[in-house]
Amino acid sequence: SNFDRGRKAKLYTTEFRNRLSAIDYGDYILSAYSKSTIKDSIDATLFVDIITYLPGDLLVKVDIASMANGLEVRSPFLDQDLMEFADRIPSSLKLHGFTTKYILKKTLS
């Protein structure tokens, strides 16, 4: 985070601050890392994203937006076989400088 608790508190309304008082997102993320036995930092971070960011944020937003518009949405890249395959790819191949989705782009080209 770019902001410590004091700086965050100045940005929040009283109502929002009260709702967050019991939540420490830093502890939440550290707890997710502690659940992992993965030694590689890239793979450990991907694991944390899979158990926190996807179900707690991205998938929820997609679900809300699609339901609000009467759409049926699928997440094909969350297929179990595809996820297991991606997990077996060495982490050294998962990042390619600042190029995003490098493997996917190469695969589809």
Protein backbone atom coordinates (compact mmCIF):
# COMPACT_ATOMS: atom_id res chain seq x y z
CA SER A 1 0.00 0.00 0.00
CA ASN A 2 1.14 3.53 -0.68
CA PHE A 3 -0.65 4.90 2.35
CA ASP A 4 -0.19 4.07 5.99
CA ARG A 5 -3.24 3.79 8.27
CA GLY A 6 -3.09 7.44 9.29
CA ARG A 7 -3.11 8.71 5.72
CA LYS A 8 -5.90 6.32 4.79
CA ALA A 9 -7.99 7.47 7.75
CA LYS A 10 -7.78 11.06 6.49
CA LEU A 11 -9.20 10.00 3.13
CA TYR A 12 -12.17 8.05 4.52
CA THR A 13 -15.52 9.31 5.69
CA THR A 14 -16.40 8.45 9.28
CA GLU A 15 -18.99 5.91 8.16
CA PHE A 16 -16.56 4.15 5.82
CA ARG A 17 -13.79 4.21 8.44
CA ASN A 18 -16.12 2.61 10.99
CA ARG A 19 -17.03 -0.16 8.55
CA LEU A 20 -13.36 -0.91 7.97
CA SER A 21 -12.24 -0.77 11.57
CA ALA A 22 -12.22 -4.55 11.96
CA ILE A 23 -10.44 -5.22 8.66
CA ASP A 24 -6.69 -5.07 8.13
CA TYR A 25 -6.07 -5.82 4.47
CA GLY A 26 -2.33 -6.20 5.03
CA ASP A 27 -2.96 -8.95 7.57
CA TYR A 28 -5.44 -10.56 5.18
CA ILE A 29 -2.83 -10.74 2.40
CA LEU A 30 -0.07 -11.91 4.73
CA SER A 31 -2.38 -14.61 6.03
CA ALA A 32 -2.98 -15.78 2.46
CA TYR A 33 0.78 -15.93 1.85
CA SER A 34 1.20 -17.98 5.03
CA LYS A 35 -1.27 -20.56 3.67
CA SER A 36 1.02 -21.19 0.73
CA THR A 37 3.89 -23.66 0.80
CA ILE A 38 5.15 -22.30 -2.52
CA LYS A 39 8.77 -21.15 -2.34
CA ASP A 40 8.86 -19.25 -5.65
CA SER A 41 7.76 -15.64 -5.06
CA ILE A 42 6.02 -15.28 -8.43
CA ASP A 43 4.00 -18.47 -8.00
CA ALA A 44 3.23 -17.59 -4.37
CA THR A 45 1.90 -14.19 -5.45
CA LEU A 46 -0.22 -15.81 -8.15
CA PHE A 47 -1.59 -18.20 -5.53
CA VAL A 48 -2.50 -15.27 -3.25
CA ASP A 49 -4.27 -13.53 -6.14
CA ILE A 50 -6.23 -16.70 -6.90
CA ILE A 51 -7.48 -17.08 -3.32
CA THR A 52 -8.01 -13.39 -2.52
CA TYR A 53 -8.24 -10.99 -5.47
CA LEU A 54 -10.26 -13.19 -7.83
CA PRO A 55 -13.06 -14.34 -5.50
CA GLY A 56 -13.05 -11.23 -3.30
CA ASP A 57 -12.90 -8.60 -6.02
CA LEU A 58 -12.68 -9.35 -9.74
CA LEU A 59 -15.22 -12.16 -9.98
CA VAL A 60 -17.64 -10.30 -7.72
CA LYS A 61 -17.48 -7.17 -9.89
CA VAL A 62 -18.00 -9.16 -13.09
CA ASP A 63 -20.95 -10.98 -11.50
CA ILE A 64 -22.61 -7.75 -10.33
CA ALA A 65 -22.07 -5.95 -13.65
CA SER A 66 -23.29 -8.89 -15.73
CA MET A 67 -26.39 -9.49 -13.59
CA ALA A 68 -27.25 -5.79 -13.73
CA ASN A 69 -27.30 -6.06 -17.52
CA GLY A 70 -28.90 -9.49 -17.82
CA LEU A 71 -25.76 -11.12 -19.20
CA GLU A 72 -24.47 -14.63 -18.69
CA VAL A 73 -20.70 -14.48 -18.22
CA ARG A 74 -18.13 -17.26 -18.31
CA SER A 75 -14.51 -17.15 -17.17
CA PRO A 76 -12.83 -19.60 -19.55
CA PHE A 77 -9.35 -19.06 -18.17
CA LEU A 78 -10.54 -20.37 -14.79
CA ASP A 79 -11.11 -23.83 -16.23
CA GLN A 80 -9.53 -26.29 -13.77
CA ASP A 81 -7.43 -28.09 -16.39
CA LEU A 82 -6.15 -24.80 -17.81
CA MET A 83 -5.36 -23.47 -14.31
CA GLU A 84 -3.44 -26.66 -13.46
CA PHE A 85 -1.52 -26.44 -16.74
CA ALA A 86 -0.63 -22.78 -16.12
CA ASP A 87 0.51 -23.68 -12.62
CA ARG A 88 3.03 -26.15 -14.09
CA ILE A 89 4.63 -23.50 -16.31
CA PRO A 90 7.94 -22.41 -14.75
CA SER A 91 7.71 -18.99 -13.16
CA SER A 92 10.70 -17.86 -15.22
CA LEU A 93 8.43 -18.05 -18.28
CA LYS A 94 5.44 -16.32 -16.69
CA LEU A 95 6.98 -12.85 -16.71
CA HIS A 96 8.53 -11.38 -19.83
CA GLY A 97 9.69 -7.89 -18.93
CA PHE A 98 6.78 -5.49 -18.99
CA THR A 99 4.90 -7.47 -21.62
CA THR A 100 1.56 -8.56 -20.23
CA LYS A 101 -0.02 -11.90 -21.17
CA TYR A 102 3.14 -12.88 -23.05
CA ILE A 103 2.47 -16.65 -23.13
CA LEU A 104 -1.16 -16.16 -24.12
CA LYS A 105 -0.23 -13.79 -26.96
CA LYS A 106 2.49 -16.13 -28.24
CA THR A 107 0.15 -19.11 -28.02
CA LEU A 108 -2.58 -17.40 -30.01
CA SER A 109 -0.31 -15.81 -32.61
